[in-house]
C-alpha atoms as a PDB file:
ATOM      1  CA  MET A   1      18.123 -98.144-106.422  1.00  0.00           C
ATOM      2  CA  LYS A   2      17.735-101.766-105.305  1.00  0.00           C
ATOM      3  CA  ASP A   3      21.048-103.168-106.545  1.00  0.00           C
ATOM      4  CA  HIS A   4      22.918-102.214-103.380  1.00  0.00           C
ATOM      5  CA  LYS A   5      23.344-105.734-101.969  1.00  0.00           C
ATOM      6  CA  SER A   6      26.105-105.941 -99.350  1.00  0.00           C
ATOM      7  CA  GLU A   7      26.838-102.197 -99.460  1.00  0.00           C
ATOM      8  CA  PRO A   8      27.911-101.161 -95.929  1.00  0.00           C
ATOM      9  CA  TRP A   9      26.201 -97.742 -96.272  1.00  0.00           C
ATOM     10  CA  PHE A  10      22.840 -97.062 -97.879  1.00  0.00           C
ATOM     11  CA  PRO A  11      21.513 -93.481 -97.756  1.00  0.00           C
ATOM     12  CA  ALA A  12      17.730 -93.214 -97.376  1.00  0.00           C
ATOM     13  CA  ALA A  13      17.623 -90.755-100.278  1.00  0.00           C
ATOM     14  CA  GLN A  14      18.590 -93.603-102.615  1.00  0.00           C
ATOM     15  CA  ALA A  15      15.721 -95.903-101.589  1.00  0.00           C
ATOM     16  CA  VAL A  16      13.061 -96.561-104.233  1.00  0.00           C
ATOM     17  CA  ASP A  17       9.343 -96.301-103.405  1.00  0.00           C
ATOM     18  CA  GLU A  18       7.563 -99.404-104.687  1.00  0.00           C
ATOM     19  CA  PRO A  19       3.753 -99.535-104.414  1.00  0.00           C
ATOM     20  CA  VAL A  20       2.871-103.104-103.388  1.00  0.00           C
ATOM     21  CA  ALA A  21      -0.854-102.767-102.641  1.00  0.00           C
ATOM     22  CA  PRO A  22      -3.359 -99.934-102.430  1.00  0.00           C
ATOM     23  CA  SER A  23      -2.144 -97.571 -99.675  1.00  0.00           C
ATOM     24  CA  VAL A  24       1.089 -99.564 -99.090  1.00  0.00           C
ATOM     25  CA  VAL A  25       4.594 -98.553-100.267  1.00  0.00           C
ATOM     26  CA  ARG A  26       7.763-100.623 -99.743  1.00  0.00           C
ATOM     27  CA  ARG A  27      11.372 -99.379 -99.674  1.00  0.00           C
ATOM     28  CA  VAL A  28      14.210-101.925 -99.644  1.00  0.00           C
ATOM     29  CA  LEU A  29      16.937-100.576 -97.357  1.00  0.00           C
ATOM     30  CA  ALA A  30      20.253-102.236 -96.421  1.00  0.00           C
ATOM     31  CA  TYR A  31      20.600-105.935 -97.202  1.00  0.00           C
ATOM     32  CA  GLY A  32      23.039-108.758 -97.722  1.00  0.00           C
ATOM     33  CA  PRO A  33      22.640-112.482 -98.351  1.00  0.00           C
ATOM     34  CA  ASP A  34      21.756-113.288 -94.735  1.00  0.00           C
ATOM     35  CA  ALA A  35      19.526-110.340 -93.772  1.00  0.00           C
ATOM     36  CA  MET A  36      17.383-107.538 -95.185  1.00  0.00           C
ATOM     37  CA  CYS A  37      15.763-104.374 -93.803  1.00  0.00           C
ATOM     38  CA  VAL A  38      12.591-103.094 -95.496  1.00  0.00           C
ATOM     39  CA  GLU A  39      10.482-100.028 -94.707  1.00  0.00           C
ATOM     40  CA  ASN A  40       6.731-100.295 -95.356  1.00  0.00           C
ATOM     41  CA  ARG A  41       4.575 -97.163 -95.270  1.00  0.00           C
ATOM     42  CA  PHE A  42       0.834 -97.727 -94.797  1.00  0.00           C
ATOM     43  CA  GLU A  43      -2.064 -95.332 -95.163  1.00  0.00           C
ATOM     44  CA  THR A  44      -5.134 -95.961 -93.002  1.00  0.00           C
ATOM     45  CA  GLY A  45      -7.005 -98.942 -94.440  1.00  0.00           C
ATOM     46  CA  GLY A  46      -3.949-100.383 -96.205  1.00  0.00           C
ATOM     47  CA  VAL A  47      -3.755-104.177 -96.100  1.00  0.00           C
ATOM     48  CA  GLY A  48      -0.788-106.500 -95.907  1.00  0.00           C
ATOM     49  CA  ALA A  49      -2.567-109.593 -97.274  1.00  0.00           C
ATOM     50  CA  MET A  50      -2.231-112.878 -95.384  1.00  0.00           C
ATOM     51  CA  HIS A  51       0.788-114.796 -96.675  1.00  0.00           C
ATOM     52  CA  SER A  52       3.734-116.899 -95.582  1.00  0.00           C
ATOM     53  CA  HIS A  53       7.285-117.341 -96.817  1.00  0.00           C
ATOM     54  CA  PRO A  54      10.429-119.336 -96.033  1.00  0.00           C
ATOM     55  CA  HIS A  55      12.040-116.370 -94.246  1.00  0.00           C
ATOM     56  CA  THR A  56      11.953-115.471 -90.570  1.00  0.00           C
ATOM     57  CA  GLN A  57      10.637-111.916 -90.228  1.00  0.00           C
ATOM     58  CA  ILE A  58      10.655-109.421 -87.374  1.00  0.00           C
ATOM     59  CA  SER A  59       8.507-106.293 -87.707  1.00  0.00           C
ATOM     60  CA  TYR A  60       9.063-103.139 -85.659  1.00  0.00           C
ATOM     61  CA  VAL A  61       6.182-100.654 -85.507  1.00  0.00           C
ATOM     62  CA  VAL A  62       7.753 -97.214 -85.975  1.00  0.00           C
ATOM     63  CA  SER A  63       4.435 -95.354 -86.060  1.00  0.00           C
ATOM     64  CA  GLY A  64       0.716 -95.922 -86.584  1.00  0.00           C
ATOM     65  CA  ARG A  65      -1.632 -98.650 -85.366  1.00  0.00           C
ATOM     66  CA  PHE A  66      -2.258-102.042 -86.974  1.00  0.00           C
ATOM     67  CA  HIS A  67      -4.355-105.163 -86.529  1.00  0.00           C
ATOM     68  CA  PHE A  68      -1.836-107.970 -87.060  1.00  0.00           C
ATOM     69  CA  THR A  69      -2.624-111.633 -87.494  1.00  0.00           C
ATOM     70  CA  ILE A  70       0.124-114.183 -86.915  1.00  0.00           C
ATOM     71  CA  GLY A  71      -1.041-117.767 -87.271  1.00  0.00           C
ATOM     72  CA  ASP A  72      -4.456-117.952 -85.583  1.00  0.00           C
ATOM     73  CA  GLU A  73      -4.054-114.896 -83.325  1.00  0.00           C
ATOM     74  CA  THR A  74      -4.903-111.239 -84.060  1.00  0.00           C
ATOM     75  CA  ARG A  75      -3.797-108.293 -81.904  1.00  0.00           C
ATOM     76  CA  GLU A  76      -3.674-104.526 -82.164  1.00  0.00           C
ATOM     77  CA  VAL A  77      -0.121-103.150 -82.150  1.00  0.00           C
ATOM     78  CA  GLY A  78       1.402 -99.676 -82.078  1.00  0.00           C
ATOM     79  CA  PRO A  79       4.672 -97.732 -81.882  1.00  0.00           C
ATOM     80  CA  GLY A  80       7.546 -99.641 -80.306  1.00  0.00           C
ATOM     81  CA  ASP A  81       5.896-103.068 -80.591  1.00  0.00           C
ATOM     82  CA  THR A  82       7.775-105.884 -82.313  1.00  0.00           C
ATOM     83  CA  LEU A  83       6.412-109.036 -83.928  1.00  0.00           C
ATOM     84  CA  LEU A  84       8.125-112.315 -84.780  1.00  0.00           C
ATOM     85  CA  LYS A  85       6.876-114.258 -87.799  1.00  0.00           C
ATOM     86  CA  GLU A  86       8.627-117.617 -88.060  1.00  0.00           C
ATOM     87  CA  HIS A  87       9.216-119.039 -91.527  1.00  0.00           C
ATOM     88  CA  GLY A  88       6.102-120.679 -92.950  1.00  0.00           C
ATOM     89  CA  VAL A  89       3.656-119.083 -90.458  1.00  0.00           C
ATOM     90  CA  PRO A  90       0.794-117.177 -92.164  1.00  0.00           C
ATOM     91  CA  HIS A  91       0.608-113.481 -91.240  1.00  0.00           C
ATOM     92  CA  GLY A  92      -0.913-110.207 -92.419  1.00  0.00           C
ATOM     93  CA  CYS A  93      -2.187-106.849 -91.212  1.00  0.00           C
ATOM     94  CA  VAL A  94      -4.689-104.044 -91.626  1.00  0.00           C
ATOM     95  CA  CYS A  95      -3.576-100.466 -90.952  1.00  0.00           C
ATOM     96  CA  LEU A  96      -5.863 -98.709 -88.462  1.00  0.00           C
ATOM     97  CA  GLU A  97      -3.868 -95.452 -88.368  1.00  0.00           C
ATOM     98  CA  SER A  98      -1.288 -94.437 -91.000  1.00  0.00           C
ATOM     99  CA  GLY A  99       2.165 -95.588 -90.049  1.00  0.00           C
ATOM    100  CA  VAL A 100       5.501 -97.188 -90.803  1.00  0.00           C
ATOM    101  CA  LEU A 101       6.742-100.740 -90.229  1.00  0.00           C
ATOM    102  CA  LEU A 102      10.384-101.807 -90.407  1.00  0.00           C
ATOM    103  CA  ASP A 103      10.719-105.440 -91.438  1.00  0.00           C
ATOM    104  CA  PHE A 104      13.857-107.506 -90.967  1.00  0.00           C
ATOM    105  CA  PHE A 105      14.178-110.764 -92.899  1.00  0.00           C
ATOM    106  CA  THR A 106      16.600-113.644 -92.692  1.00  0.00           C
ATOM    107  CA  PRO A 107      17.720-114.697 -95.162  1.00  0.00           C
ATOM    108  CA  MET A 108      17.174-111.744 -97.520  1.00  0.00           C
ATOM    109  CA  ARG A 109      14.089-111.684 -99.768  1.00  0.00           C
ATOM    110  CA  GLU A 110      15.388-112.326-103.302  1.00  0.00           C
ATOM    111  CA  ASP A 111      11.845-111.622-104.583  1.00  0.00           C
ATOM    112  CA  PHE A 112      12.095-108.010-103.321  1.00  0.00           C
ATOM    113  CA  VAL A 113      15.059-107.190-105.563  1.00  0.00           C
END
């Protein structure tokens, strides 16, 4: 179910798994017009291709290890790390060890629903 915009409660059991790349699955969680939370599950070797968008994005590494590139800089990140991707700045990642990222967008990503 992805038509839950502005619902104050969204049970995890209602989230829809959406394959977005080999070894990468996205689940749109709570969202409203000004913000969105998305869970991304990566298997080792999964790639979040380099891209940019007009949204500001914060990623929280729940588990796993990733090589992340933001702009011209690449770093290895792991559980508890957070990353800020300003609107328009190219970014992407490669999963080194299976894990989960929580992404927060402002405003919400219309293209995800």
